[in-house]
Protein backbone atom coordinates (compact mmCIF):
# COMPACT_ATOMS: atom_id res chain seq x y z
CA MET A 1 159.85 105.67 67.67
CA SER A 2 161.41 102.16 67.58
CA ARG A 3 159.36 98.98 67.35
CA PRO A 4 159.48 96.34 70.09
CA ALA A 5 161.88 93.55 69.30
CA GLY A 6 160.41 90.37 67.85
CA ARG A 7 157.11 92.02 66.83
CA ARG A 8 156.04 92.01 63.21
CA VAL A 9 153.70 94.60 61.83
CA ALA A 10 151.36 93.54 59.06
CA GLU A 11 151.34 95.68 56.00
CA ARG A 12 148.08 97.31 55.01
CA PRO A 13 146.68 96.34 51.60
CA ALA A 14 146.80 99.09 49.05
CA ARG A 15 143.49 100.93 48.53
CA ARG A 16 141.81 100.40 45.16
CA ARG A 17 140.68 103.51 43.42
CA VAL A 18 137.09 103.44 42.17
CA ALA A 19 136.13 105.68 39.33
CA MET A 20 133.10 107.88 40.14
CA PRO A 21 130.85 109.32 37.48
CA ARG A 22 131.05 113.08 37.08
CA LEU A 23 127.87 114.99 37.91
CA ARG A 24 126.53 117.78 35.80
CA ALA A 25 126.75 121.23 37.40
CA ASP A 26 123.00 121.87 37.18
CA LEU A 27 122.26 118.59 39.02
CA VAL A 28 124.66 119.54 41.83
CA ILE A 29 123.04 122.94 42.29
CA GLY A 30 119.56 121.39 42.41
CA LEU A 31 120.60 118.77 44.97
CA VAL A 32 122.11 121.42 47.28
CA ALA A 33 118.91 123.49 47.09
CA VAL A 34 116.79 120.50 48.11
CA LEU A 35 119.03 119.70 51.08
CA VAL A 36 119.05 123.32 52.34
CA THR A 37 115.27 123.56 52.08
CA GLY A 38 114.81 120.32 54.04
CA ALA A 39 117.16 121.45 56.81
CA THR A 40 115.37 124.77 57.10
CA LEU A 41 111.96 123.11 57.42
CA ALA A 42 113.33 120.72 60.06
CA THR A 43 114.44 123.63 62.25
CA VAL A 44 111.12 125.48 62.15
CA ALA A 45 109.03 124.33 65.15
CA ASP A 46 105.33 124.40 65.52
CA PRO A 47 104.66 127.55 67.57
CA ASP A 48 102.14 125.66 69.69
CA GLU A 49 104.56 122.81 70.51
CA PRO A 50 106.78 123.36 73.58
CA GLN A 51 110.53 123.27 72.98
CA PRO A 52 112.64 120.79 74.98
CA GLU A 53 114.50 123.58 76.81
CA GLN A 54 111.28 125.30 77.78
CA ALA A 55 109.56 122.07 78.75
CA ARG A 56 112.32 121.11 81.18
CA ALA A 57 112.22 124.40 83.12
CA PRO A 58 109.60 124.59 85.89
CA GLY A 59 107.40 127.66 85.88
CA ALA A 60 106.70 129.96 88.82
CA ARG A 61 103.11 130.51 89.86
CA GLN A 62 101.70 132.65 92.63
CA LEU A 63 101.23 130.70 95.84
CA THR A 64 97.57 129.76 96.31
CA GLU A 65 97.79 127.94 99.64
CA ALA A 66 99.97 128.53 102.70
CA VAL A 67 100.14 126.54 105.94
CA LEU A 68 101.86 127.61 109.16
CA ALA A 69 102.23 125.59 112.38
CA CYS A 70 102.27 127.64 115.58
CA PRO A 71 103.55 126.49 118.99
CA GLY A 72 101.38 126.93 122.06
CA GLY A 73 100.65 130.43 123.30
CA SER A 74 97.95 132.88 124.32
CA ARG A 75 97.46 134.69 121.00
CA VAL A 76 98.59 134.55 117.40
CA SER A 77 99.60 137.58 115.32
CA VAL A 78 99.18 137.16 111.56
CA ALA A 79 100.41 139.40 108.74
CA GLN A 80 100.76 139.46 104.98
CA PRO A 81 103.32 142.15 104.20
CA VAL A 82 103.72 141.44 100.47
CA ALA A 83 100.30 142.63 99.37
CA GLU A 84 99.09 146.17 99.08
CA GLU A 85 96.19 146.95 101.38
CA GLY A 86 92.93 146.26 99.58
CA ASP A 87 94.62 144.30 96.77
CA GLY A 88 92.64 141.10 96.20
CA GLU A 89 90.42 141.79 99.20
CA GLY A 90 87.79 139.09 99.59
CA ASP A 91 89.62 136.69 97.30
CA GLY A 92 90.89 134.05 99.70
CA GLU A 93 90.28 132.58 103.14
CA LEU A 94 92.29 132.38 106.35
CA THR A 95 91.47 129.88 109.09
CA LEU A 96 92.95 128.92 112.45
CA ALA A 97 92.55 125.47 113.99
CA SER A 98 93.82 124.28 117.36
CA ALA A 99 94.53 120.60 117.90
CA GLY A 100 91.27 118.66 118.08
CA ALA A 101 89.11 121.71 117.27
CA GLU A 102 87.37 122.86 114.13
CA ALA A 103 88.93 125.61 112.05
CA ARG A 104 87.54 129.11 112.51
CA PRO A 105 87.85 131.99 110.04
CA ILE A 106 90.06 135.02 110.63
CA ASP A 107 89.58 138.36 108.92
CA LEU A 108 92.86 139.64 107.49
CA ALA A 109 93.12 142.41 104.96
CA PRO A 110 96.05 141.87 102.55
CA GLY A 111 98.92 144.03 103.76
CA GLY A 112 97.56 144.15 107.30
CA VAL A 113 98.15 142.60 110.74
CA VAL A 114 95.59 140.87 112.96
CA ASP A 115 95.73 139.34 116.47
CA THR A 116 93.54 136.49 117.66
CA ALA A 117 93.34 134.40 120.82
CA VAL A 118 94.55 130.80 120.67
CA ASP A 119 94.55 127.81 122.99
CA GLY A 120 97.60 125.59 122.54
CA PRO A 121 99.41 124.63 119.33
CA SER A 122 97.49 125.57 116.19
CA VAL A 123 97.57 125.57 112.40
CA LEU A 124 97.00 128.57 110.14
CA ARG A 125 95.80 127.91 106.60
CA ALA A 126 95.41 130.57 103.90
CA THR A 127 94.10 130.27 100.36
CA GLY A 128 93.90 132.51 97.31
CA ALA A 129 95.14 136.07 97.63
CA LEU A 130 95.86 135.62 101.35
CA ALA A 131 98.46 132.88 100.82
CA PRO A 132 101.52 134.67 99.32
CA GLY A 133 103.85 136.02 102.00
CA LEU A 134 101.81 134.87 105.01
CA ILE A 135 103.74 135.04 108.30
CA ALA A 136 102.69 134.64 111.94
CA ALA A 137 104.05 134.61 115.48
CA VAL A 138 102.75 133.42 118.85
CA GLU A 139 102.80 135.24 122.15
CA GLY A 140 104.31 132.51 124.29
CA PRO A 141 105.07 132.14 127.99
CA SER A 142 107.93 134.63 127.74
CA VAL A 143 108.10 136.42 124.35
CA ARG A 144 107.03 135.89 120.75
CA SER A 145 108.00 132.78 118.83
CA GLU A 146 107.63 132.21 115.10
CA CYS A 147 105.05 130.06 113.36
CA VAL A 148 106.78 127.83 110.81
CA ALA A 149 105.94 126.29 107.45
CA PRO A 150 105.83 122.46 107.60
CA ALA A 151 108.94 120.78 106.23
CA GLY A 152 110.72 117.44 106.11
CA GLU A 153 113.90 118.27 108.05
CA TRP A 154 114.78 120.41 111.07
CA TRP A 155 117.98 121.08 113.03
CA PHE A 156 118.36 122.29 116.63
CA ALA A 157 121.62 122.93 118.49
CA ALA A 158 122.26 123.73 122.18
CA VAL A 159 119.34 121.49 123.15
CA GLY A 160 118.93 120.62 126.84
CA ALA A 161 118.19 117.04 127.84
CA GLY A 162 118.43 117.11 131.62
CA GLY A 163 119.76 118.86 134.70
CA LEU A 164 119.10 122.62 134.78
CA HIS A 165 118.23 122.82 131.06
CA VAL A 166 115.44 120.76 129.49
CA SER A 167 114.00 121.20 125.99
CA THR A 168 110.57 120.09 124.82
CA LEU A 169 109.97 119.25 121.16
CA THR A 170 106.57 119.94 119.55
CA LEU A 171 105.53 118.18 116.33
CA THR A 172 102.41 119.43 114.53
CA ASN A 173 100.84 117.59 111.60
CA PRO A 174 98.75 120.00 109.46
CA ASP A 175 97.49 117.33 107.05
CA ASP A 176 94.82 114.64 107.23
CA GLY A 177 97.16 111.67 106.85
CA PRO A 178 99.60 110.47 109.53
CA ALA A 179 103.20 111.69 109.72
CA ILE A 180 106.21 109.81 111.09
CA ALA A 181 109.50 111.33 112.25
CA ASP A 182 112.87 110.04 113.45
CA LEU A 183 115.22 111.97 115.70
CA GLU A 184 118.98 111.89 115.31
CA VAL A 185 120.88 113.09 118.37
CA TRP A 186 124.56 113.90 118.90
CA GLY A 187 126.26 114.66 122.21
CA PRO A 188 129.79 115.25 123.54
CA GLN A 189 130.47 111.49 123.42
CA GLY A 190 129.09 110.99 119.90
CA PRO A 191 125.78 109.90 118.39
CA VAL A 192 123.03 108.90 120.82
CA THR A 193 121.07 105.75 120.05
CA SER A 194 117.65 104.99 121.49
CA GLU A 195 114.51 103.24 120.26
CA ALA A 196 112.48 106.07 121.82
CA ILE A 197 113.64 108.54 119.16
CA ARG A 198 112.59 106.40 116.18
CA GLY A 199 109.21 106.25 114.51
CA ILE A 200 107.44 109.06 116.37
CA ALA A 201 103.92 109.05 114.89
CA VAL A 202 101.68 112.13 114.67
CA ASP A 203 98.10 111.58 113.51
CA GLY A 204 96.51 113.91 111.00
CA GLY A 205 95.61 117.31 112.45
CA GLN A 206 97.25 116.47 115.79
CA THR A 207 100.22 117.68 117.86
CA VAL A 208 102.72 115.57 119.81
CA THR A 209 105.23 116.83 122.39
CA ARG A 210 108.37 115.03 123.52
CA ASN A 211 110.58 115.87 126.51
CA LEU A 212 114.22 115.40 125.49
CA ALA A 213 115.23 114.59 129.06
CA GLU A 214 112.97 111.54 128.88
CA LEU A 215 114.06 110.44 125.41
CA VAL A 216 117.84 110.96 125.61
CA PRO A 217 118.77 112.06 129.17
CA SER A 218 122.00 114.06 129.29
CA ARG A 219 123.39 116.93 131.34
CA ASP A 220 125.31 118.26 128.37
CA ASP A 221 124.19 120.18 125.29
CA VAL A 222 123.06 118.03 122.39
CA VAL A 223 122.26 118.56 118.70
CA VAL A 224 118.97 117.22 117.35
CA ARG A 225 117.93 116.55 113.78
CA VAL A 226 114.24 115.90 113.10
CA LEU A 227 113.84 113.86 109.91
CA VAL A 228 110.26 113.38 108.68
CA ARG A 229 109.97 109.98 106.97
CA GLN A 230 106.29 110.25 106.09
CA GLY A 231 104.13 113.34 105.58
CA ARG A 232 105.29 116.74 106.80
CA LEU A 233 105.53 118.43 110.19
CA GLY A 234 105.76 121.86 111.72
CA VAL A 235 108.44 121.56 114.41
CA SER A 236 109.25 123.88 117.31
CA MET A 237 111.35 123.70 120.46
CA ARG A 238 110.94 125.35 123.85
CA ASP A 239 113.46 125.41 126.73
CA GLN A 240 113.07 125.48 130.46
CA THR A 241 116.22 126.73 132.19
CA VAL A 242 116.84 127.21 135.89
CA VAL A 243 118.23 130.71 136.51
CA ALA A 244 118.86 131.83 140.10
CA ALA A 245 116.79 128.88 141.42
CA ASP A 246 113.80 129.81 139.22
CA PRO A 247 112.75 127.77 136.14
CA LEU A 248 112.31 130.14 133.19
CA THR A 249 110.85 129.31 129.79
CA ALA A 250 112.37 130.53 126.52
CA GLU A 251 111.88 129.88 122.82
CA HIS A 252 114.43 127.79 120.93
CA PRO A 253 114.40 128.54 117.15
CA ALA A 254 115.58 126.01 114.59
CA THR A 255 119.08 126.53 113.25
CA SER A 256 120.59 126.14 109.77
CA ALA A 257 121.48 122.73 108.43
CA PRO A 258 125.20 121.79 108.59
CA THR A 259 127.30 124.37 106.76
CA THR A 260 130.90 125.54 106.56
CA ARG A 261 129.86 129.16 107.27
CA ALA A 262 127.15 129.92 109.81
CA VAL A 263 126.03 133.47 110.62
CA LEU A 264 124.20 134.22 113.87
CA PRO A 265 122.94 137.83 113.69
CA ALA A 266 122.10 140.22 116.53
CA VAL A 267 124.06 138.39 119.23
CA PRO A 268 124.51 140.53 122.36
CA SER A 269 127.15 140.33 125.06
CA GLY A 270 126.33 138.13 128.04
CA GLN A 271 126.91 134.81 129.76
CA LEU A 272 126.72 132.89 126.51
CA ARG A 273 128.18 129.65 125.22
CA LEU A 274 128.68 128.58 121.62
CA VAL A 275 127.48 125.04 120.91
CA ILE A 276 128.93 123.40 117.78
CA GLY A 277 127.90 120.00 116.46
CA ASN A 278 129.73 117.93 113.87
CA PRO A 279 127.32 115.31 112.48
CA GLY A 280 129.79 114.22 109.80
CA ASP A 281 132.41 111.48 109.66
CA GLU A 282 135.47 113.75 109.53
CA ALA A 283 137.01 115.77 112.35
CA ALA A 284 136.77 119.53 111.90
CA ARG A 285 137.98 122.82 113.30
CA ALA A 286 135.73 125.83 113.83
CA GLN A 287 137.00 129.41 113.68
CA LEU A 288 134.95 132.00 115.54
CA LYS A 289 134.62 135.52 114.06
CA VAL A 290 132.61 138.66 114.77
CA SER A 291 131.01 140.67 111.96
CA GLY A 292 130.69 144.28 113.05
CA ALA A 293 129.62 147.55 111.51
CA GLU A 294 132.85 147.95 109.51
CA SER A 295 134.47 144.55 109.05
CA GLU A 296 134.68 140.91 110.09
CA SER A 297 137.53 139.86 112.37
CA VAL A 298 138.79 137.09 114.62
CA PRO A 299 138.67 138.09 118.30
CA LEU A 300 142.08 138.46 119.94
CA ASP A 301 143.56 135.22 121.33
CA VAL A 302 140.69 133.06 120.01
CA ASP A 303 142.04 129.87 118.44
CA PRO A 304 140.08 127.46 116.22
CA VAL A 305 137.94 124.99 118.17
CA PRO A 306 138.49 121.26 117.44
CA VAL A 307 135.18 119.46 116.81
CA PRO A 308 135.63 115.66 116.55
CA ALA A 309 133.52 113.71 114.09
CA GLY A 310 130.03 112.92 115.39
CA GLU A 311 130.44 114.98 118.57
CA VAL A 312 129.22 118.24 120.14
CA VAL A 313 131.48 120.86 121.68
CA SER A 314 130.36 123.70 123.96
CA VAL A 315 132.66 126.66 124.58
CA PRO A 316 131.94 129.87 126.57
CA LEU A 317 132.37 133.15 124.75
CA ASP A 318 135.57 134.71 126.05
CA ALA A 319 136.03 138.31 127.19
CA ASN A 320 137.46 139.53 123.85
CA THR A 321 134.51 138.10 121.91
CA ARG A 322 132.02 139.58 124.35
CA LYS A 323 133.73 142.95 123.97
CA LEU A 324 133.21 142.90 120.19
CA LEU A 325 129.54 141.98 120.75
CA ARG A 326 128.95 144.67 123.38
CA SER A 327 127.04 147.01 121.02
CA GLY A 328 124.43 144.35 120.33
CA GLU A 329 124.60 145.21 116.62
CA ALA A 330 127.05 142.54 115.49
CA SER A 331 126.86 138.97 114.22
CA LEU A 332 128.71 135.88 115.33
CA VAL A 333 130.26 133.83 112.51
CA VAL A 334 131.37 130.19 112.70
CA GLU A 335 133.57 128.94 109.85
CA GLY A 336 134.30 125.23 109.79
CA THR A 337 136.64 122.99 107.84
CA ALA A 338 133.60 120.67 107.51
CA PRO A 339 129.85 121.30 107.67
CA LEU A 340 128.86 122.13 111.26
CA VAL A 341 125.71 123.02 113.21
CA SER A 342 125.87 126.05 115.53
CA SER A 343 123.81 127.94 118.11
CA VAL A 344 124.47 130.34 120.96
CA ALA A 345 122.68 129.88 124.28
CA GLY A 346 122.91 131.32 127.77
CA VAL A 347 121.62 134.10 129.98
CA VAL A 348 121.30 137.79 129.06
CA ALA A 349 119.91 140.32 131.54
CA GLY A 350 118.76 137.47 133.77
CA ARG A 351 116.75 135.73 131.04
CA PRO A 352 117.64 132.57 129.07
CA VAL A 353 117.93 132.95 125.31
CA THR A 354 118.94 130.85 122.30
CA MET A 355 120.18 132.42 119.05
CA THR A 356 120.75 130.34 115.96
CA ALA A 357 122.36 130.39 112.53
CA VAL A 358 120.00 131.94 109.96
CA ASP A 359 119.52 130.79 106.37
CA ALA A 360 119.97 133.40 103.66
CA ALA A 361 116.82 134.67 101.97
CA ALA A 362 117.04 134.88 98.19
CA ALA A 363 114.09 137.26 97.84
CA ARG A 364 111.94 139.39 100.11
CA SER A 365 111.88 138.48 103.80
CA ALA A 366 110.10 139.49 106.99
CA VAL A 367 110.04 139.00 110.74
CA PHE A 368 107.57 139.71 113.53
CA LEU A 369 109.09 142.15 116.01
CA PRO A 370 109.25 141.40 119.74
CA ASP A 371 106.81 143.44 121.78
CA LEU A 372 109.63 144.89 123.89
CA ALA A 373 110.98 148.39 124.56
CA GLN A 374 114.42 148.16 122.91
CA ARG A 375 114.49 146.52 119.47
CA THR A 376 117.23 146.28 116.85
CA LEU A 377 117.16 144.58 113.46
CA VAL A 378 120.60 143.37 112.29
CA LEU A 379 121.09 142.59 108.58
CA THR A 380 123.95 141.43 106.36
CA ALA A 381 124.43 140.51 102.70
CA SER A 382 125.54 136.92 102.17
CA GLU A 383 127.14 137.19 98.72
CA HIS A 384 127.55 140.72 97.38
CA ALA A 385 126.63 144.30 98.23
CA THR A 386 123.04 145.28 97.61
CA PRO A 387 120.68 148.20 98.23
CA VAL A 388 117.88 147.42 100.67
CA THR A 389 114.61 148.92 101.83
CA VAL A 390 113.07 147.96 105.17
CA ARG A 391 109.37 148.65 105.57
CA PHE A 392 107.49 148.48 108.85
CA LEU A 393 103.89 147.39 109.35
CA GLY A 394 102.10 149.04 112.23
CA GLY A 395 104.05 152.31 112.28
CA GLY A 396 107.29 154.00 111.29
CA GLU A 397 108.99 155.29 108.16
CA ASP A 398 110.83 153.14 105.63
CA TRP A 399 114.56 152.67 106.12
CA LYS A 400 116.86 152.59 103.10
CA GLY A 401 120.52 151.62 103.03
CA ARG A 402 123.08 149.24 101.57
CA LEU A 403 124.13 145.82 102.84
CA GLN A 404 127.69 144.53 102.57
CA PRO A 405 129.06 140.99 102.92
CA GLN A 406 130.94 140.33 106.17
CA VAL A 407 129.49 143.53 107.63
CA SER A 408 126.51 143.77 110.00
CA THR A 409 124.11 146.67 109.55
CA ALA A 410 121.85 147.71 112.43
CA VAL A 411 118.41 149.09 111.57
CA PRO A 412 116.54 150.94 114.33
CA VAL A 413 112.99 149.71 114.82
CA PRO A 414 110.39 152.49 115.16
CA LYS A 415 107.94 152.53 118.03
CA GLY A 416 104.68 150.76 117.30
CA ALA A 417 106.05 148.66 114.43
CA GLN A 418 104.87 145.05 114.46
CA VAL A 419 106.53 143.56 111.37
CA ALA A 420 109.79 144.36 109.56
CA TRP A 421 109.64 143.65 105.83
CA VAL A 422 112.96 143.58 103.92
CA GLU A 423 112.98 144.29 100.18
CA THR A 424 116.10 143.46 98.17
CA ASP A 425 116.96 141.28 95.18
CA ALA A 426 120.19 139.82 96.61
CA PRO A 427 120.71 137.02 99.17
CA HIS A 428 120.66 138.38 102.71
CA LEU A 429 119.96 137.32 106.27
CA GLY A 430 119.25 138.84 109.64
CA ALA A 431 117.46 138.72 112.97
CA VAL A 432 115.77 141.07 115.42
CA ARG A 433 116.58 141.25 119.11
CA GLY A 434 114.42 142.93 121.72
CA GLN A 435 114.93 143.57 125.40
CA GLY A 436 112.78 144.96 128.19
CA PRO A 437 111.38 144.27 131.65
CA ALA A 438 109.34 141.36 130.25
CA GLY A 439 112.45 139.56 129.03
CA LEU A 440 114.68 139.19 125.99
CA GLY A 441 113.41 138.15 122.57
CA TRP A 442 115.25 137.03 119.45
CA LEU A 443 113.59 136.13 116.13
CA PRO A 444 115.21 135.22 112.78
CA LEU A 445 114.40 136.84 109.45
CA ARG A 446 112.64 134.37 107.13
CA GLU A 447 112.17 134.45 103.36
CA LEU A 448 108.58 135.13 102.34
CA ARG A 449 106.97 132.31 100.36
CA GLU A 450 105.23 134.07 97.51
CA GLU A 451 105.48 131.61 94.63
CA ARG A 452 105.44 127.90 93.96
CA LEU A 453 107.27 125.99 91.23
CA VAL A 454 105.07 124.13 88.76
CA PRO A 455 106.87 121.35 86.81
CA VAL A 456 106.28 121.26 83.07
CA VAL A 457 105.93 117.77 81.56
CA ARG A 458 107.85 117.10 78.35
CA PRO A 459 105.80 115.79 75.43
CA ASP A 460 107.74 112.50 75.41
CA GLN A 461 106.76 111.93 79.07
CA LEU A 462 103.04 112.07 78.42
CA HIS A 463 103.07 108.54 76.97
CA SER A 464 106.16 107.06 78.60
CA GLY A 465 105.07 107.64 82.22
CA GLY A 466 108.47 109.23 82.99
């Protein structure tokens, strides 16, 4: 390699050799022994002192308190499918409190199901052995709707804000302190701004309802994000849709947060529309697929749907898609080039219904079953194949099978069963759909909350305040 012209390189001074005294062999051996012994002692930890790796990892403890917020209805059904009947009986308490009323106790044997009358939105609170795996559902104006654990963020798609479709939002604060929530709304023309959707306050132990047609009037479908800025809230949505000149009420479950792959299980054929929201800053395309009993495929002649940034698109399900969904045992899949929010809404057998994307459960899961004549539970694995056992509370034999990714598996629901309890160690998701003279019901499978994470403080944090 040549040097640049005109540049001089200074020569390094020659190193001076320094004569070192020679060590005796016995001194060298002794010095090495001392060093090895010191290193060994340094690596031996006090057995009572936590190691850094162990101290950083949070530990799992059995859940000792569970809270569920229930929307308004005539009665609440409560179950605890994870416990064996009689296990821990008497160790724990379950109470139900309606807004503005004192809590009253409810007798629930672990592993059992109990029904109790209710007046309006309410809060269930369980302690001790009754907390792990607690689930509940409300008998609403049409069919059952789920009681939900309070959280800090909620998403709803295919929300009605005027015309023939109006949605009402219910915010329940289970705690003593106040809670404050903001709404973020997107429509076909982009984000919706309004002072009425900011700083919605809910006092401790109270419930607040908001009519979307009054907050953000629109005749088109909108997407709503509920972001809790202070405290925590149980959030639910209920629709009123005019069908054949009659206003009919239906439940509107929360959907998954924005994702590039949304799975909507147990979608039947009917007059349905797919509502897709893009809350991001980049334009996206959404490909619609159907996951059936054998494979996942794109319906014939169905092209990707453009979804502009910050907008909501509503498209009717075409004849080829409805044909693949005719069995009622398939799942609708929405794959986006960017994170999207999806729900399916419309009319089936003369009744309005909303079906949403379902989050995968990493452990055991359960769902209350609609009290209707025809009921089907549809399951799928989200990552890899896994054996599964479905148990039923209230009646019926266990069902055993194997779940596959991109394949929907239909599980028949026995007569008299009230709760389906899914046991598997792999991520999975699903929903149950019921149909009968009383209407059409759809409920998502939810992961059972059985444990809580307990952070472990490192020794160096005890004095540093970190």
